[in-house]
Protein backbone atom coordinates (compact mmCIF):
# COMPACT_ATOMS: atom_id res chain seq x y z
CA MET A 1 -129.56 10.74 -3.71
CA ILE A 2 -127.22 9.78 -6.62
CA SER A 3 -129.27 8.23 -9.39
CA PHE A 4 -126.48 7.68 -11.88
CA ILE A 5 -122.92 8.75 -12.67
CA ARG A 6 -121.62 9.37 -16.18
CA GLY A 7 -117.88 9.57 -16.71
CA ASN A 8 -114.72 7.69 -17.71
CA ILE A 9 -113.27 4.65 -15.94
CA ALA A 10 -110.14 5.93 -14.24
CA ASP A 11 -109.18 2.72 -12.40
CA VAL A 12 -110.42 -0.76 -11.59
CA THR A 13 -109.93 -2.45 -8.21
CA GLU A 14 -110.71 -6.00 -7.18
CA ASN A 15 -114.45 -5.33 -6.66
CA SER A 16 -115.05 -1.74 -7.75
CA VAL A 17 -114.44 0.77 -10.52
CA ILE A 18 -113.32 4.37 -10.10
CA VAL A 19 -115.35 6.63 -12.38
CA GLU A 20 -114.04 10.14 -12.98
CA ALA A 21 -116.87 12.65 -13.38
CA GLY A 22 -116.58 16.40 -12.96
CA ASN A 23 -112.95 16.04 -11.66
CA ILE A 24 -114.12 13.71 -8.86
CA GLY A 25 -113.36 10.00 -8.70
CA TYR A 26 -116.28 7.94 -7.49
CA GLU A 27 -115.67 4.41 -6.22
CA ILE A 28 -118.55 2.20 -7.33
CA PHE A 29 -118.94 -1.42 -6.29
CA MET A 30 -120.12 -3.66 -9.13
CA THR A 31 -120.35 -7.29 -10.18
CA GLY A 32 -117.28 -8.74 -11.88
CA SER A 33 -118.95 -9.03 -15.27
CA ALA A 34 -120.30 -5.44 -15.12
CA MET A 35 -116.84 -4.16 -14.19
CA GLU A 36 -115.24 -5.97 -17.10
CA GLN A 37 -117.88 -4.64 -19.50
CA ALA A 38 -117.51 -1.07 -18.16
CA SER A 39 -113.73 -1.14 -18.34
CA ARG A 40 -113.82 -2.22 -22.00
CA MET A 41 -115.88 0.82 -22.98
CA LYS A 42 -113.76 3.44 -24.70
CA GLN A 43 -116.24 6.27 -24.36
CA GLU A 44 -118.03 7.66 -21.31
CA VAL A 45 -119.90 5.08 -19.27
CA LYS A 46 -123.23 5.65 -17.52
CA ILE A 47 -123.65 3.67 -14.31
CA HIS A 48 -126.98 3.54 -12.47
CA THR A 49 -126.25 3.72 -8.77
CA TYR A 50 -127.59 2.85 -5.35
CA PHE A 51 -126.21 5.08 -2.53
CA HIS A 52 -125.88 3.02 0.66
CA VAL A 53 -125.37 4.93 3.93
CA ARG A 54 -124.61 3.34 7.31
CA GLU A 55 -122.96 4.70 10.47
CA ASP A 56 -119.37 3.87 9.48
CA ALA A 57 -119.49 4.09 5.66
CA MET A 58 -121.13 5.54 2.56
CA GLN A 59 -120.90 3.37 -0.48
CA LEU A 60 -122.06 3.41 -4.12
CA TYR A 61 -123.25 0.22 -5.85
CA GLY A 62 -123.57 0.44 -9.59
CA PHE A 63 -125.19 -1.31 -12.54
CA LEU A 64 -125.06 -0.84 -16.30
CA ASN A 65 -128.84 -0.93 -16.68
CA LYS A 66 -131.88 0.07 -14.64
CA ASP A 67 -133.28 -3.44 -14.56
CA ASP A 68 -130.29 -4.80 -12.61
CA LEU A 69 -130.57 -1.87 -10.20
CA GLN A 70 -134.28 -2.57 -9.73
CA MET A 71 -133.62 -6.23 -8.90
CA PHE A 72 -130.82 -5.18 -6.49
CA ARG A 73 -133.27 -2.88 -4.68
CA LEU A 74 -135.80 -5.73 -4.45
CA LEU A 75 -133.15 -7.98 -2.93
CA LEU A 76 -132.34 -5.34 -0.32
CA GLY A 77 -135.98 -5.53 0.75
CA VAL A 78 -135.47 -9.17 1.81
CA ASN A 79 -134.91 -9.46 5.55
CA GLY A 80 -131.26 -10.17 6.27
CA ILE A 81 -129.92 -9.32 2.79
CA GLY A 82 -127.51 -6.38 2.72
CA PRO A 83 -125.84 -4.72 -0.26
CA LYS A 84 -122.83 -7.10 -0.37
CA ALA A 85 -125.04 -10.19 -0.33
CA ALA A 86 -127.41 -8.66 -2.92
CA LEU A 87 -124.43 -7.83 -5.18
CA GLY A 88 -123.23 -11.44 -4.68
CA VAL A 89 -126.56 -12.72 -5.94
CA MET A 90 -126.44 -10.36 -8.94
CA SER A 91 -122.93 -11.54 -9.78
CA GLY A 92 -124.16 -15.17 -9.90
CA LEU A 93 -127.49 -14.59 -11.65
CA SER A 94 -128.74 -12.17 -14.27
CA ALA A 95 -131.91 -10.18 -13.40
CA ASP A 96 -133.88 -12.42 -15.78
CA GLU A 97 -132.53 -15.65 -14.26
CA LEU A 98 -133.27 -14.36 -10.78
CA ARG A 99 -136.85 -13.44 -11.68
CA PHE A 100 -137.57 -16.82 -13.21
CA ALA A 101 -135.86 -18.67 -10.33
CA VAL A 102 -138.04 -16.85 -7.81
CA LEU A 103 -141.27 -17.38 -9.80
CA SER A 104 -140.59 -21.11 -10.26
CA ASP A 105 -139.47 -21.73 -6.66
CA ASP A 106 -136.03 -22.71 -7.94
CA VAL A 107 -134.09 -22.82 -4.63
CA LYS A 108 -131.24 -24.73 -6.22
CA THR A 109 -130.39 -22.03 -8.78
CA ILE A 110 -130.57 -19.17 -6.23
CA SER A 111 -128.48 -21.02 -3.65
CA LYS A 112 -125.69 -21.31 -6.27
CA ALA A 113 -125.07 -17.53 -5.83
CA PRO A 114 -122.07 -16.65 -3.63
CA GLY A 115 -122.88 -16.51 0.05
CA ILE A 116 -126.49 -17.66 -0.36
CA GLY A 117 -127.49 -20.86 1.37
CA ARG A 118 -130.63 -22.91 0.92
CA LYS A 119 -132.50 -21.23 3.79
CA THR A 120 -131.71 -17.73 2.53
CA ALA A 121 -132.77 -18.74 -1.02
CA GLN A 122 -136.13 -19.99 0.37
CA LYS A 123 -136.61 -16.78 2.28
CA MET A 124 -135.88 -14.73 -0.87
CA ILE A 125 -138.46 -16.71 -2.86
CA LEU A 126 -141.04 -16.29 -0.07
CA GLU A 127 -140.51 -12.50 0.19
CA LEU A 128 -140.07 -11.68 -3.48
CA LYS A 129 -142.64 -13.87 -5.19
CA ASP A 130 -145.57 -11.46 -4.61
CA LYS A 131 -143.50 -8.57 -5.99
CA LEU A 132 -142.88 -10.23 -9.37
CA LYS A 133 -145.23 -11.11 -12.21
CA LEU A 134 -144.69 -13.85 -14.78
CA GLU A 135 -145.89 -11.72 -17.69
CA GLU A 136 -143.49 -8.90 -16.79
CA ALA A 137 -140.62 -11.43 -16.40
CA PHE A 138 -141.17 -12.67 -19.96
CA GLU A 139 -141.51 -9.10 -21.31
CA LYS A 140 -138.21 -8.07 -19.71
CA LYS A 141 -136.49 -11.20 -21.00
CA MET A 142 -137.76 -10.58 -24.55
CA GLU A 143 -136.63 -6.94 -24.31
CA HIS A 144 -133.14 -7.99 -23.28
CA GLU A 145 -132.93 -10.60 -26.01
CA GLN A 146 -134.01 -8.06 -28.62
CA GLU A 147 -131.41 -5.58 -27.39
CA SER A 148 -128.64 -8.17 -27.64
CA ALA A 149 -129.83 -9.54 -31.02
CA VAL A 150 -127.74 -8.53 -33.98
CA GLY A 151 -129.27 -5.57 -35.75
CA GLY A 152 -132.00 -5.47 -33.13
CA GLU A 153 -133.81 -8.39 -34.78
CA ALA A 154 -136.45 -9.74 -32.37
CA LEU A 155 -135.80 -13.17 -30.92
CA ARG A 156 -138.72 -15.53 -30.28
CA ASP A 157 -138.39 -18.18 -27.67
CA GLY A 158 -140.63 -21.23 -27.82
CA ARG A 159 -140.48 -21.61 -24.02
CA GLN A 160 -142.66 -18.55 -23.61
CA GLU A 161 -145.26 -19.92 -25.98
CA ALA A 162 -145.14 -23.31 -24.21
CA VAL A 163 -145.79 -21.67 -20.81
CA GLU A 164 -148.70 -19.71 -22.27
CA ALA A 165 -150.09 -22.91 -23.82
CA LEU A 166 -149.90 -24.73 -20.50
CA THR A 167 -151.63 -21.91 -18.63
CA ALA A 168 -154.36 -22.02 -21.33
CA LEU A 169 -154.76 -25.72 -20.56
CA GLY A 170 -155.51 -24.79 -16.95
CA TYR A 171 -152.17 -25.19 -15.25
CA SER A 172 -151.02 -22.41 -12.94
CA SER A 173 -148.35 -20.06 -14.34
CA THR A 174 -145.93 -21.21 -11.61
CA ASP A 175 -146.39 -24.90 -12.37
CA ALA A 176 -146.15 -24.25 -16.11
CA LEU A 177 -142.95 -22.23 -15.72
CA ARG A 178 -141.40 -24.85 -13.40
CA ALA A 179 -142.14 -27.65 -15.88
CA VAL A 180 -140.81 -25.72 -18.88
CA ARG A 181 -137.62 -24.85 -16.98
CA LYS A 182 -136.97 -28.57 -16.52
CA VAL A 183 -136.88 -29.07 -20.30
CA THR A 184 -133.24 -28.56 -21.27
CA ASP A 185 -132.70 -31.02 -24.14
CA VAL A 186 -135.18 -29.56 -26.63
CA ASP A 187 -134.54 -26.79 -29.16
CA PRO A 188 -135.81 -23.47 -27.62
CA GLU A 189 -137.76 -22.83 -30.86
CA ASP A 190 -139.49 -26.23 -30.85
CA VAL A 191 -142.72 -25.25 -29.04
CA GLU A 192 -144.41 -28.61 -29.58
CA GLY A 193 -141.35 -30.51 -28.35
CA ILE A 194 -141.08 -28.31 -25.26
CA LEU A 195 -144.78 -28.71 -24.57
CA LYS A 196 -144.66 -32.52 -24.79
CA ALA A 197 -141.57 -32.72 -22.54
CA ALA A 198 -143.00 -30.24 -20.05
CA LEU A 199 -146.25 -32.18 -19.69
CA LYS A 200 -144.26 -35.18 -18.47
CA HIS A 201 -143.10 -33.02 -15.53
CA LEU A 202 -146.64 -32.02 -14.59
């Protein structure tokens, strides 16, 4: 019903911002980092929203980019996850981190999110895995890195090349991703180093 709201931040509460648009103040629930980012903006802010309706309340949940909103919607599709729990997950993990955690069966990372236990994390992985693709996850991550790079200069990450090399060697994309994620002490640009370390985990 309400796809996005563009306006000025009129006020900030503990877990929401009040956006003034067309002489109306909209309360929008957001993650802490998104609220901080929005409140620092001097000009108008555009917030992509999800309009949640239940018997006793109508609430707006907002995100600064469509990708976060898309992941939030996916989380709502998981049995037993409501908007507050989904927002809790998004406050603990970026959309990129969440995608890779699901694709690599990383229960530990997901269960670090507020209010998400091990069982819920396992259920999320089970229900979301078929809805995500490894190639798209890397494309999104590269897009976000390029957007945040100074002057829009493209960033290359050796981890992506390492995963692609492992899949070319015959490993499944899930096993390759899981092995590469375990490599934390090698320079992200050192493809050969990442590859050697990842093979030890396979």
